[in-house]
N, C-alpha and C. Protein backbone atom coordinates (compact mmCIF):
# COMPACT_ATOMS: atom_id res chain seq x y z
N UNK A 1 0.82 -1.20 0.00
CA UNK A 1 0.00 0.00 0.00
C UNK A 1 0.86 1.25 0.00
N UNK A 2 1.96 1.25 0.82
CA UNK A 2 2.83 2.41 0.86
C UNK A 2 3.50 2.62 -0.48
N UNK A 3 3.92 1.51 -1.12
CA UNK A 3 4.56 1.63 -2.42
C UNK A 3 3.59 2.21 -3.44
N UNK A 4 2.34 1.73 -3.39
CA UNK A 4 1.36 2.20 -4.35
C UNK A 4 1.06 3.68 -4.14
N UNK A 5 0.94 4.12 -2.87
CA UNK A 5 0.70 5.54 -2.60
C UNK A 5 1.88 6.38 -3.08
N UNK A 6 3.11 5.86 -2.92
CA UNK A 6 4.28 6.59 -3.39
C UNK A 6 4.24 6.72 -4.90
N UNK A 7 3.83 5.65 -5.57
CA UNK A 7 3.72 5.70 -7.03
C UNK A 7 2.69 6.73 -7.44
N UNK A 8 1.54 6.74 -6.74
CA UNK A 8 0.46 7.67 -7.08
C UNK A 8 0.91 9.11 -6.89
N UNK A 9 1.65 9.37 -5.81
CA UNK A 9 2.01 10.74 -5.49
C UNK A 9 3.28 11.21 -6.18
N UNK A 10 4.11 10.29 -6.62
CA UNK A 10 5.40 10.68 -7.19
C UNK A 10 5.52 10.38 -8.66
N UNK A 11 5.10 11.31 -9.51
CA UNK A 11 5.18 11.11 -10.95
C UNK A 11 6.45 11.79 -11.44
N UNK A 12 7.48 10.99 -11.73
CA UNK A 12 8.77 11.56 -12.12
C UNK A 12 8.91 11.77 -13.60
N UNK A 13 10.15 12.13 -13.99
CA UNK A 13 10.42 12.42 -15.40
C UNK A 13 10.22 11.19 -16.27
N UNK A 14 10.63 10.01 -15.77
CA UNK A 14 10.44 8.79 -16.55
C UNK A 14 8.96 8.52 -16.76
N UNK A 15 8.20 8.70 -15.70
CA UNK A 15 6.75 8.50 -15.82
C UNK A 15 6.14 9.45 -16.82
N UNK A 16 6.61 10.69 -16.83
CA UNK A 16 6.06 11.67 -17.77
C UNK A 16 6.37 11.25 -19.20
N UNK A 17 7.57 10.70 -19.43
CA UNK A 17 7.93 10.26 -20.77
C UNK A 17 7.04 9.11 -21.22
N UNK A 18 6.82 8.15 -20.30
CA UNK A 18 5.94 7.02 -20.63
C UNK A 18 4.53 7.52 -20.88
N UNK A 19 4.07 8.46 -20.05
CA UNK A 19 2.73 9.01 -20.23
C UNK A 19 2.60 9.66 -21.60
N UNK A 20 3.66 10.36 -22.02
CA UNK A 20 3.63 10.99 -23.33
C UNK A 20 3.48 9.95 -24.43
N UNK A 21 4.26 8.86 -24.34
CA UNK A 21 4.19 7.83 -25.37
C UNK A 21 2.82 7.17 -25.40
N UNK A 22 2.27 6.87 -24.22
CA UNK A 22 0.95 6.25 -24.17
C UNK A 22 -0.11 7.20 -24.68
N UNK A 23 0.04 8.48 -24.35
CA UNK A 23 -0.93 9.45 -24.82
C UNK A 23 -0.93 9.56 -26.34
N UNK A 24 0.28 9.58 -26.92
CA UNK A 24 0.38 9.62 -28.39
C UNK A 24 -0.21 8.35 -28.98
N UNK A 25 0.06 7.20 -28.35
CA UNK A 25 -0.51 5.95 -28.84
C UNK A 25 -2.02 5.96 -28.79
N UNK A 26 -2.57 6.51 -27.71
CA UNK A 26 -4.02 6.58 -27.59
C UNK A 26 -4.60 7.49 -28.66
N UNK A 27 -3.91 8.61 -28.94
CA UNK A 27 -4.38 9.54 -29.97
C UNK A 27 -4.42 8.85 -31.33
N UNK A 28 -3.34 8.12 -31.64
CA UNK A 28 -3.30 7.42 -32.93
C UNK A 28 -4.35 6.33 -33.00
N UNK A 29 -4.52 5.61 -31.90
CA UNK A 29 -5.55 4.57 -31.85
C UNK A 29 -6.91 5.17 -32.09
N UNK A 30 -7.18 6.32 -31.46
CA UNK A 30 -8.48 6.96 -31.61
C UNK A 30 -8.71 7.36 -33.07
N UNK A 31 -7.65 7.90 -33.71
CA UNK A 31 -7.79 8.29 -35.11
C UNK A 31 -8.08 7.09 -35.99
N UNK A 32 -7.40 5.96 -35.73
CA UNK A 32 -7.65 4.76 -36.52
C UNK A 32 -9.07 4.27 -36.30
N UNK A 33 -9.52 4.34 -35.05
CA UNK A 33 -10.88 3.89 -34.77
C UNK A 33 -11.90 4.74 -35.50
N UNK A 34 -11.66 6.05 -35.55
CA UNK A 34 -12.59 6.91 -36.26
C UNK A 34 -12.63 6.54 -37.74
N UNK A 35 -11.43 6.28 -38.30
CA UNK A 35 -11.39 5.92 -39.71
C UNK A 35 -12.12 4.63 -40.00
N UNK A 36 -12.09 3.69 -39.07
CA UNK A 36 -12.75 2.40 -39.25
C UNK A 36 -14.13 2.34 -38.60
N UNK A 37 -14.57 3.49 -38.08
CA UNK A 37 -15.87 3.58 -37.40
C UNK A 37 -15.96 2.59 -36.23
N UNK A 38 -14.83 2.31 -35.61
CA UNK A 38 -14.82 1.39 -34.48
C UNK A 38 -15.01 2.17 -33.18
N UNK A 39 -16.21 2.69 -33.00
CA UNK A 39 -16.53 3.40 -31.77
C UNK A 39 -17.04 2.41 -30.73
N UNK A 40 -16.99 2.77 -29.47
CA UNK A 40 -17.54 1.88 -28.44
C UNK A 40 -19.01 1.57 -28.72
N UNK A 41 -19.43 0.38 -28.33
CA UNK A 41 -20.84 0.03 -28.47
C UNK A 41 -21.68 0.90 -27.53
N UNK A 42 -22.94 1.12 -27.84
CA UNK A 42 -23.82 1.73 -26.84
C UNK A 42 -23.84 0.85 -25.58
N UNK A 43 -23.96 1.48 -24.43
CA UNK A 43 -23.90 0.73 -23.18
C UNK A 43 -24.93 -0.40 -23.17
N UNK A 44 -26.13 -0.15 -23.65
CA UNK A 44 -27.18 -1.17 -23.64
C UNK A 44 -26.90 -2.35 -24.54
N UNK A 45 -25.97 -2.20 -25.50
CA UNK A 45 -25.60 -3.29 -26.41
C UNK A 45 -24.39 -4.07 -25.92
N UNK A 46 -23.75 -3.59 -24.87
CA UNK A 46 -22.59 -4.30 -24.33
C UNK A 46 -23.06 -5.55 -23.58
N UNK A 47 -22.13 -6.51 -23.45
CA UNK A 47 -22.49 -7.79 -22.84
C UNK A 47 -21.34 -8.33 -22.00
N UNK A 48 -20.99 -7.60 -20.95
CA UNK A 48 -19.92 -8.06 -20.07
C UNK A 48 -20.45 -8.20 -18.64
N UNK A 49 -19.72 -8.97 -17.85
CA UNK A 49 -20.01 -9.15 -16.43
C UNK A 49 -18.73 -8.92 -15.66
N UNK A 50 -18.71 -7.96 -14.76
CA UNK A 50 -17.54 -7.67 -13.96
C UNK A 50 -17.93 -7.59 -12.48
N UNK A 51 -16.93 -7.41 -11.64
CA UNK A 51 -17.14 -7.32 -10.19
C UNK A 51 -16.54 -6.01 -9.70
N UNK A 52 -17.28 -5.27 -8.88
CA UNK A 52 -16.75 -3.99 -8.42
C UNK A 52 -15.84 -4.18 -7.20
N UNK A 53 -15.25 -3.09 -6.74
CA UNK A 53 -14.25 -3.17 -5.66
C UNK A 53 -14.87 -3.53 -4.32
N UNK A 54 -16.20 -3.58 -4.27
CA UNK A 54 -16.88 -4.04 -3.05
C UNK A 54 -17.30 -5.51 -3.15
N UNK A 55 -16.97 -6.15 -4.30
CA UNK A 55 -17.32 -7.55 -4.50
C UNK A 55 -18.70 -7.76 -5.09
N UNK A 56 -19.34 -6.68 -5.58
CA UNK A 56 -20.68 -6.79 -6.14
C UNK A 56 -20.63 -6.93 -7.66
N UNK A 57 -21.51 -7.77 -8.24
CA UNK A 57 -21.53 -7.92 -9.70
C UNK A 57 -22.06 -6.65 -10.38
N UNK A 58 -21.51 -6.36 -11.53
CA UNK A 58 -21.92 -5.19 -12.32
C UNK A 58 -22.06 -5.61 -13.77
N UNK A 59 -23.18 -5.21 -14.40
CA UNK A 59 -23.42 -5.46 -15.82
C UNK A 59 -23.78 -4.15 -16.49
N UNK A 60 -23.64 -4.06 -17.82
CA UNK A 60 -23.95 -2.81 -18.52
C UNK A 60 -25.37 -2.31 -18.28
N UNK A 61 -26.33 -3.21 -18.19
CA UNK A 61 -27.71 -2.77 -17.99
C UNK A 61 -27.89 -2.03 -16.67
N UNK A 62 -26.97 -2.25 -15.71
CA UNK A 62 -27.02 -1.51 -14.45
C UNK A 62 -26.77 -0.02 -14.66
N UNK A 63 -26.13 0.30 -15.77
CA UNK A 63 -25.75 1.69 -16.04
C UNK A 63 -26.74 2.44 -16.91
N UNK A 64 -27.59 1.73 -17.62
CA UNK A 64 -28.53 2.39 -18.54
C UNK A 64 -29.45 3.30 -17.74
N UNK A 65 -29.61 4.53 -18.24
CA UNK A 65 -30.41 5.53 -17.55
C UNK A 65 -29.57 6.55 -16.81
N UNK A 66 -28.26 6.31 -16.75
CA UNK A 66 -27.35 7.27 -16.12
C UNK A 66 -26.20 7.58 -17.06
N UNK A 67 -25.70 8.82 -17.06
CA UNK A 67 -24.49 9.10 -17.85
C UNK A 67 -23.31 8.33 -17.27
N UNK A 68 -22.40 7.95 -18.15
CA UNK A 68 -21.28 7.09 -17.74
C UNK A 68 -19.95 7.74 -18.14
N UNK A 69 -18.99 7.65 -17.22
CA UNK A 69 -17.61 8.05 -17.50
C UNK A 69 -16.74 6.85 -17.12
N UNK A 70 -16.09 6.23 -18.11
CA UNK A 70 -15.32 5.00 -17.86
C UNK A 70 -13.90 5.15 -18.38
N UNK A 71 -12.98 4.52 -17.66
CA UNK A 71 -11.56 4.61 -17.97
C UNK A 71 -10.93 3.25 -17.73
N UNK A 72 -10.08 2.80 -18.65
CA UNK A 72 -9.36 1.54 -18.49
C UNK A 72 -7.95 1.82 -17.98
N UNK A 73 -7.52 1.04 -16.99
CA UNK A 73 -6.19 1.23 -16.43
C UNK A 73 -5.85 0.09 -15.49
N UNK A 74 -4.88 0.30 -14.59
CA UNK A 74 -4.50 -0.76 -13.65
C UNK A 74 -3.79 -0.13 -12.46
N UNK A 75 -3.83 -0.82 -11.33
CA UNK A 75 -3.38 -0.22 -10.08
C UNK A 75 -1.87 -0.03 -10.01
N UNK A 76 -1.09 -0.79 -10.77
CA UNK A 76 0.36 -0.63 -10.75
C UNK A 76 0.85 0.33 -11.82
N UNK A 77 -0.05 1.01 -12.48
CA UNK A 77 0.29 2.00 -13.51
C UNK A 77 1.06 3.15 -12.86
N UNK A 78 2.24 3.51 -13.40
CA UNK A 78 3.07 4.51 -12.73
C UNK A 78 2.70 5.95 -13.02
N UNK A 79 1.85 6.22 -14.03
CA UNK A 79 1.70 7.61 -14.43
C UNK A 79 0.34 7.95 -15.02
N UNK A 80 -0.01 7.35 -16.16
CA UNK A 80 -1.23 7.73 -16.86
C UNK A 80 -2.47 7.52 -15.99
N UNK A 81 -2.55 6.38 -15.33
CA UNK A 81 -3.76 6.05 -14.55
C UNK A 81 -3.94 6.96 -13.34
N UNK A 82 -2.93 7.11 -12.47
CA UNK A 82 -3.15 8.02 -11.34
C UNK A 82 -3.38 9.46 -11.76
N UNK A 83 -2.72 9.88 -12.85
CA UNK A 83 -2.94 11.24 -13.34
C UNK A 83 -4.39 11.40 -13.80
N UNK A 84 -4.88 10.44 -14.57
CA UNK A 84 -6.24 10.51 -15.08
C UNK A 84 -7.26 10.45 -13.95
N UNK A 85 -7.06 9.56 -12.99
CA UNK A 85 -8.00 9.45 -11.88
C UNK A 85 -7.98 10.69 -11.00
N UNK A 86 -6.83 11.32 -10.86
CA UNK A 86 -6.77 12.59 -10.14
C UNK A 86 -7.54 13.67 -10.91
N UNK A 87 -7.38 13.68 -12.23
CA UNK A 87 -8.15 14.63 -13.05
C UNK A 87 -9.65 14.38 -12.90
N UNK A 88 -10.06 13.11 -12.98
CA UNK A 88 -11.47 12.78 -12.84
C UNK A 88 -12.00 13.27 -11.50
N UNK A 89 -11.24 13.09 -10.44
CA UNK A 89 -11.66 13.56 -9.12
C UNK A 89 -11.89 15.07 -9.11
N UNK A 90 -11.00 15.81 -9.78
CA UNK A 90 -11.17 17.26 -9.87
C UNK A 90 -12.38 17.63 -10.71
N UNK A 91 -12.61 16.90 -11.79
CA UNK A 91 -13.78 17.18 -12.63
C UNK A 91 -15.07 16.94 -11.86
N UNK A 92 -15.12 15.88 -11.09
CA UNK A 92 -16.32 15.59 -10.30
C UNK A 92 -16.58 16.69 -9.29
N UNK A 93 -15.51 17.19 -8.70
CA UNK A 93 -15.67 18.29 -7.74
C UNK A 93 -16.19 19.53 -8.45
N UNK A 94 -15.67 19.82 -9.64
CA UNK A 94 -16.11 21.00 -10.38
C UNK A 94 -17.56 20.88 -10.84
N UNK A 95 -18.01 19.67 -11.12
CA UNK A 95 -19.39 19.46 -11.55
C UNK A 95 -20.40 19.71 -10.44
N UNK A 96 -19.95 19.65 -9.20
CA UNK A 96 -20.86 19.87 -8.08
C UNK A 96 -21.87 18.74 -7.95
N UNK A 97 -23.11 19.07 -7.56
CA UNK A 97 -24.13 18.04 -7.35
C UNK A 97 -24.43 17.20 -8.59
N UNK A 98 -24.20 17.76 -9.79
CA UNK A 98 -24.45 17.00 -11.02
C UNK A 98 -23.59 15.75 -11.11
N UNK A 99 -22.44 15.77 -10.44
CA UNK A 99 -21.53 14.61 -10.49
C UNK A 99 -22.18 13.37 -9.90
N UNK A 100 -23.12 13.55 -9.00
CA UNK A 100 -23.76 12.39 -8.37
C UNK A 100 -24.61 11.59 -9.34
N UNK A 101 -24.93 12.17 -10.48
CA UNK A 101 -25.73 11.47 -11.49
C UNK A 101 -24.90 10.51 -12.31
N UNK A 102 -23.59 10.68 -12.30
CA UNK A 102 -22.69 9.90 -13.16
C UNK A 102 -22.35 8.54 -12.56
N UNK A 103 -22.21 7.55 -13.44
CA UNK A 103 -21.48 6.33 -13.11
C UNK A 103 -20.03 6.58 -13.52
N UNK A 104 -19.10 6.42 -12.61
CA UNK A 104 -17.69 6.67 -12.89
C UNK A 104 -16.91 5.41 -12.56
N UNK A 105 -16.26 4.82 -13.55
CA UNK A 105 -15.65 3.51 -13.35
C UNK A 105 -14.24 3.43 -13.92
N UNK A 106 -13.35 2.82 -13.14
CA UNK A 106 -12.04 2.37 -13.60
C UNK A 106 -12.16 0.87 -13.86
N UNK A 107 -11.94 0.45 -15.09
CA UNK A 107 -11.99 -0.97 -15.45
C UNK A 107 -10.54 -1.44 -15.63
N UNK A 108 -10.14 -2.44 -14.87
CA UNK A 108 -8.75 -2.87 -14.92
C UNK A 108 -8.44 -3.62 -16.22
N UNK A 109 -7.18 -3.47 -16.65
CA UNK A 109 -6.66 -4.30 -17.75
C UNK A 109 -5.65 -5.31 -17.21
N UNK A 110 -5.58 -5.41 -15.88
CA UNK A 110 -4.60 -6.29 -15.21
C UNK A 110 -5.32 -7.13 -14.15
N UNK A 111 -6.24 -8.01 -14.59
CA UNK A 111 -7.04 -8.76 -13.60
C UNK A 111 -6.22 -9.72 -12.75
N UNK A 112 -5.02 -10.12 -13.20
CA UNK A 112 -4.20 -11.02 -12.40
C UNK A 112 -3.80 -10.38 -11.07
N UNK A 113 -3.54 -9.09 -11.08
CA UNK A 113 -3.12 -8.40 -9.85
C UNK A 113 -4.26 -7.59 -9.23
N UNK A 114 -5.18 -7.14 -10.05
CA UNK A 114 -6.21 -6.23 -9.57
C UNK A 114 -7.45 -6.97 -9.10
N UNK A 115 -7.35 -7.51 -7.91
CA UNK A 115 -8.49 -8.13 -7.24
C UNK A 115 -9.43 -7.02 -6.75
N UNK A 116 -10.65 -7.37 -6.35
CA UNK A 116 -11.51 -6.34 -5.74
C UNK A 116 -10.85 -5.65 -4.55
N UNK A 117 -10.10 -6.40 -3.75
CA UNK A 117 -9.43 -5.81 -2.59
C UNK A 117 -8.35 -4.81 -3.02
N UNK A 118 -7.57 -5.17 -4.04
CA UNK A 118 -6.54 -4.27 -4.54
C UNK A 118 -7.16 -3.00 -5.12
N UNK A 119 -8.27 -3.17 -5.84
CA UNK A 119 -8.95 -2.01 -6.41
C UNK A 119 -9.55 -1.13 -5.32
N UNK A 120 -10.09 -1.74 -4.27
CA UNK A 120 -10.65 -0.97 -3.16
C UNK A 120 -9.59 -0.09 -2.52
N UNK A 121 -8.40 -0.65 -2.32
CA UNK A 121 -7.29 0.11 -1.76
C UNK A 121 -6.91 1.26 -2.70
N UNK A 122 -6.86 0.96 -3.99
CA UNK A 122 -6.42 1.95 -4.98
C UNK A 122 -7.40 3.10 -5.13
N UNK A 123 -8.68 2.79 -5.34
CA UNK A 123 -9.64 3.87 -5.59
C UNK A 123 -9.90 4.71 -4.35
N UNK A 124 -9.51 4.21 -3.17
CA UNK A 124 -9.67 5.00 -1.95
C UNK A 124 -8.81 6.25 -1.96
N UNK A 125 -7.84 6.32 -2.88
CA UNK A 125 -6.99 7.49 -3.01
C UNK A 125 -7.63 8.61 -3.82
N UNK A 126 -8.81 8.34 -4.39
CA UNK A 126 -9.45 9.30 -5.29
C UNK A 126 -10.88 9.57 -4.84
N UNK A 127 -11.65 10.23 -5.68
CA UNK A 127 -13.03 10.56 -5.33
C UNK A 127 -13.81 9.29 -4.99
N UNK A 128 -14.58 9.29 -3.90
CA UNK A 128 -15.27 8.06 -3.49
C UNK A 128 -16.36 7.60 -4.46
N UNK A 129 -16.74 8.43 -5.42
CA UNK A 129 -17.74 8.02 -6.40
C UNK A 129 -17.15 7.14 -7.51
N UNK A 130 -15.83 7.03 -7.57
CA UNK A 130 -15.18 6.20 -8.59
C UNK A 130 -15.20 4.75 -8.12
N UNK A 131 -15.73 3.87 -8.97
CA UNK A 131 -15.73 2.45 -8.66
C UNK A 131 -14.64 1.75 -9.47
N UNK A 132 -14.10 0.68 -8.91
CA UNK A 132 -13.14 -0.15 -9.63
C UNK A 132 -13.81 -1.44 -10.06
N UNK A 133 -13.54 -1.86 -11.29
CA UNK A 133 -14.14 -3.09 -11.82
C UNK A 133 -13.07 -4.06 -12.27
N UNK A 134 -13.27 -5.34 -11.97
CA UNK A 134 -12.34 -6.39 -12.37
C UNK A 134 -13.13 -7.65 -12.70
N UNK A 135 -12.42 -8.69 -13.05
CA UNK A 135 -13.05 -9.97 -13.38
C UNK A 135 -11.98 -10.94 -13.84
N UNK A 136 -12.41 -12.02 -14.45
CA UNK A 136 -11.45 -12.95 -15.03
C UNK A 136 -10.81 -12.32 -16.27
N UNK A 137 -9.74 -12.93 -16.75
CA UNK A 137 -9.10 -12.41 -17.97
C UNK A 137 -10.10 -12.37 -19.13
N UNK A 138 -10.95 -13.38 -19.23
CA UNK A 138 -11.94 -13.43 -20.31
C UNK A 138 -12.99 -12.34 -20.15
N UNK A 139 -13.41 -12.09 -18.92
CA UNK A 139 -14.41 -11.05 -18.68
C UNK A 139 -13.87 -9.67 -19.00
N UNK A 140 -12.63 -9.41 -18.62
CA UNK A 140 -12.02 -8.12 -18.92
C UNK A 140 -11.83 -7.97 -20.43
N UNK A 141 -11.42 -9.04 -21.08
CA UNK A 141 -11.26 -9.01 -22.53
C UNK A 141 -12.57 -8.66 -23.22
N UNK A 142 -13.68 -9.20 -22.75
CA UNK A 142 -14.98 -8.92 -23.34
C UNK A 142 -15.36 -7.46 -23.14
N UNK A 143 -15.15 -6.93 -21.94
CA UNK A 143 -15.45 -5.52 -21.68
C UNK A 143 -14.61 -4.61 -22.57
N UNK A 144 -13.32 -4.92 -22.68
CA UNK A 144 -12.44 -4.10 -23.52
C UNK A 144 -12.90 -4.14 -24.97
N UNK A 145 -13.33 -5.29 -25.45
CA UNK A 145 -13.80 -5.40 -26.83
C UNK A 145 -15.04 -4.53 -27.05
N UNK A 146 -15.95 -4.50 -26.08
CA UNK A 146 -17.16 -3.69 -26.22
C UNK A 146 -16.84 -2.21 -26.24
N UNK A 147 -15.81 -1.81 -25.50
CA UNK A 147 -15.38 -0.41 -25.48
C UNK A 147 -14.40 -0.09 -26.62
N UNK A 148 -13.97 -1.13 -27.37
CA UNK A 148 -12.95 -0.99 -28.43
C UNK A 148 -11.61 -0.55 -27.85
N UNK A 149 -11.28 -1.07 -26.68
CA UNK A 149 -10.03 -0.75 -26.01
C UNK A 149 -9.00 -1.83 -26.31
N UNK A 150 -7.76 -1.41 -26.52
CA UNK A 150 -6.64 -2.33 -26.73
C UNK A 150 -5.74 -2.32 -25.51
N UNK A 151 -5.21 -3.48 -25.15
CA UNK A 151 -4.24 -3.54 -24.06
C UNK A 151 -3.35 -4.75 -24.27
N UNK A 152 -2.17 -4.71 -23.65
CA UNK A 152 -1.22 -5.81 -23.81
C UNK A 152 -0.28 -5.84 -22.61
N UNK A 153 0.09 -7.05 -22.23
CA UNK A 153 1.06 -7.25 -21.15
C UNK A 153 2.46 -7.06 -21.72
N UNK A 154 3.29 -6.26 -21.03
CA UNK A 154 4.63 -5.94 -21.51
C UNK A 154 5.65 -6.38 -20.46
N UNK A 155 6.46 -7.42 -20.76
CA UNK A 155 7.48 -7.88 -19.79
C UNK A 155 8.52 -6.80 -19.54
N UNK A 156 9.05 -6.78 -18.31
CA UNK A 156 10.12 -5.86 -17.96
C UNK A 156 11.40 -6.64 -17.73
N UNK A 157 12.52 -5.94 -17.75
CA UNK A 157 13.83 -6.59 -17.59
C UNK A 157 14.00 -7.28 -16.25
N UNK A 158 13.28 -6.79 -15.23
CA UNK A 158 13.43 -7.36 -13.89
C UNK A 158 12.56 -8.59 -13.67
N UNK A 159 11.88 -9.07 -14.72
CA UNK A 159 11.04 -10.25 -14.61
C UNK A 159 9.59 -9.92 -14.29
N UNK A 160 9.31 -8.68 -13.92
CA UNK A 160 7.94 -8.24 -13.66
C UNK A 160 7.31 -7.84 -15.00
N UNK A 161 6.18 -7.20 -14.96
CA UNK A 161 5.54 -6.75 -16.20
C UNK A 161 4.75 -5.49 -15.93
N UNK A 162 4.44 -4.79 -17.00
CA UNK A 162 3.53 -3.66 -16.95
C UNK A 162 2.47 -3.87 -18.02
N UNK A 163 1.54 -2.94 -18.13
CA UNK A 163 0.46 -3.06 -19.11
C UNK A 163 0.44 -1.83 -20.01
N UNK A 164 0.38 -2.06 -21.30
CA UNK A 164 0.16 -0.99 -22.26
C UNK A 164 -1.33 -1.01 -22.58
N UNK A 165 -1.96 0.16 -22.66
CA UNK A 165 -3.41 0.18 -22.87
C UNK A 165 -3.87 1.50 -23.46
N UNK A 166 -5.02 1.47 -24.08
CA UNK A 166 -5.65 2.68 -24.59
C UNK A 166 -5.88 3.64 -23.43
N UNK A 167 -5.43 4.87 -23.59
CA UNK A 167 -5.61 5.88 -22.55
C UNK A 167 -6.63 6.90 -23.02
N UNK A 168 -7.72 7.01 -22.31
CA UNK A 168 -8.76 7.97 -22.64
C UNK A 168 -9.97 7.70 -21.76
N UNK A 169 -10.74 8.73 -21.49
CA UNK A 169 -11.94 8.61 -20.66
C UNK A 169 -13.15 8.60 -21.58
N UNK A 170 -13.93 7.52 -21.52
CA UNK A 170 -15.09 7.34 -22.38
C UNK A 170 -16.34 7.92 -21.74
N UNK A 171 -17.10 8.69 -22.51
CA UNK A 171 -18.32 9.32 -22.01
C UNK A 171 -19.53 8.79 -22.77
N UNK A 172 -20.60 8.50 -22.03
CA UNK A 172 -21.84 7.98 -22.62
C UNK A 172 -23.03 8.76 -22.07
N UNK A 173 -24.01 9.00 -22.94
CA UNK A 173 -25.26 9.65 -22.54
C UNK A 173 -26.09 8.70 -21.67
N UNK A 174 -27.07 9.24 -20.93
CA UNK A 174 -27.92 8.38 -20.10
C UNK A 174 -28.62 7.25 -20.85
N UNK A 175 -28.93 7.47 -22.13
CA UNK A 175 -29.58 6.41 -22.91
C UNK A 175 -28.59 5.38 -23.44
N UNK A 176 -27.32 5.52 -23.09
CA UNK A 176 -26.30 4.55 -23.47
C UNK A 176 -25.52 4.88 -24.71
N UNK A 177 -25.91 5.93 -25.44
CA UNK A 177 -25.16 6.31 -26.65
C UNK A 177 -23.78 6.82 -26.29
N UNK A 178 -22.79 6.43 -27.10
CA UNK A 178 -21.44 6.96 -26.93
C UNK A 178 -21.47 8.45 -27.21
N UNK A 179 -20.88 9.25 -26.32
CA UNK A 179 -20.87 10.70 -26.47
C UNK A 179 -19.53 11.20 -27.03
N UNK A 180 -18.45 10.90 -26.33
CA UNK A 180 -17.13 11.37 -26.77
C UNK A 180 -16.07 10.75 -25.87
N UNK A 181 -14.84 11.09 -26.17
CA UNK A 181 -13.71 10.64 -25.36
C UNK A 181 -12.89 11.85 -24.94
N UNK A 182 -12.42 11.83 -23.72
CA UNK A 182 -11.47 12.84 -23.26
C UNK A 182 -10.09 12.22 -23.41
N UNK A 183 -9.36 12.67 -24.40
CA UNK A 183 -8.04 12.11 -24.70
C UNK A 183 -7.04 12.53 -23.63
N UNK A 184 -6.05 11.67 -23.40
CA UNK A 184 -5.07 11.94 -22.35
C UNK A 184 -4.34 13.26 -22.58
N UNK A 185 -4.09 13.62 -23.84
CA UNK A 185 -3.34 14.84 -24.14
C UNK A 185 -4.23 16.03 -24.46
N UNK A 186 -5.52 15.86 -24.31
CA UNK A 186 -6.44 16.96 -24.59
C UNK A 186 -6.33 18.03 -23.51
N UNK A 187 -6.52 19.28 -23.92
CA UNK A 187 -6.54 20.38 -22.96
C UNK A 187 -7.63 20.13 -21.93
N UNK A 188 -7.25 20.10 -20.67
CA UNK A 188 -8.19 19.73 -19.60
C UNK A 188 -9.32 20.75 -19.43
N UNK A 189 -9.19 21.95 -20.01
CA UNK A 189 -10.27 22.93 -19.93
C UNK A 189 -11.54 22.45 -20.62
N UNK A 190 -11.38 21.54 -21.58
CA UNK A 190 -12.53 21.07 -22.35
C UNK A 190 -13.23 19.88 -21.70
N UNK A 191 -12.63 19.31 -20.65
CA UNK A 191 -13.17 18.08 -20.08
C UNK A 191 -14.54 18.28 -19.44
N UNK A 192 -14.66 19.23 -18.54
CA UNK A 192 -15.93 19.42 -17.83
C UNK A 192 -17.05 19.82 -18.78
N UNK A 193 -16.84 20.72 -19.74
CA UNK A 193 -17.92 20.98 -20.71
C UNK A 193 -18.35 19.73 -21.47
N UNK A 194 -17.40 18.87 -21.82
CA UNK A 194 -17.76 17.62 -22.49
C UNK A 194 -18.62 16.75 -21.58
N UNK A 195 -18.23 16.66 -20.32
CA UNK A 195 -19.00 15.83 -19.38
C UNK A 195 -20.40 16.40 -19.20
N UNK A 196 -20.51 17.72 -19.09
CA UNK A 196 -21.83 18.33 -18.91
C UNK A 196 -22.76 18.02 -20.09
N UNK A 197 -22.18 17.94 -21.28
CA UNK A 197 -23.02 17.66 -22.47
C UNK A 197 -23.57 16.22 -22.44
N UNK A 198 -22.95 15.35 -21.68
CA UNK A 198 -23.44 13.98 -21.61
C UNK A 198 -24.55 13.79 -20.58
N UNK A 199 -24.79 14.79 -19.76
CA UNK A 199 -25.71 14.64 -18.65
C UNK A 199 -27.18 14.65 -19.07
N UNK A 200 -27.46 15.15 -20.28
CA UNK A 200 -28.86 15.24 -20.71
C UNK A 200 -29.18 14.20 -21.78
């Protein structure tokens, strides 16, 4: 837990470089998806089953009728994930009471390490309205496919591994239609207006 908090609070120069590369990758991925019309499915058309950080089952139909803000990441992420979740926490604060209408979820791409207990510890560092979701490798793969998210396990020289993944916050209208994405490198001034447009 102490190591994870240190990672969350200490984003160094190496982390910034990795964040830059992942952000550029996400931008290119998004452009390719637009060209191929590979947008996320409407929430009501998704078909995944995951477990939240409290151990409760969650399905897409649980979200229909509420605006959704979803992000894929993992608890051992050194930079992009804690930065994005910190941003999301600030956006929720700026939204005021309207933020309570949103479903806000971090969906792990590292189910081997991200148990509900690990996610509970991790999301406790951010806004309490953010839920963490995990499942089996197959369940996570299905959720990622519905969101059109790419991820891959990347071995490290020390025998451990990290995860490469699409970086971006997905926004959906209350009726489940895909609204837009907040790209990792997008000017953060545009984030809250984008979120507000999804609320109706």
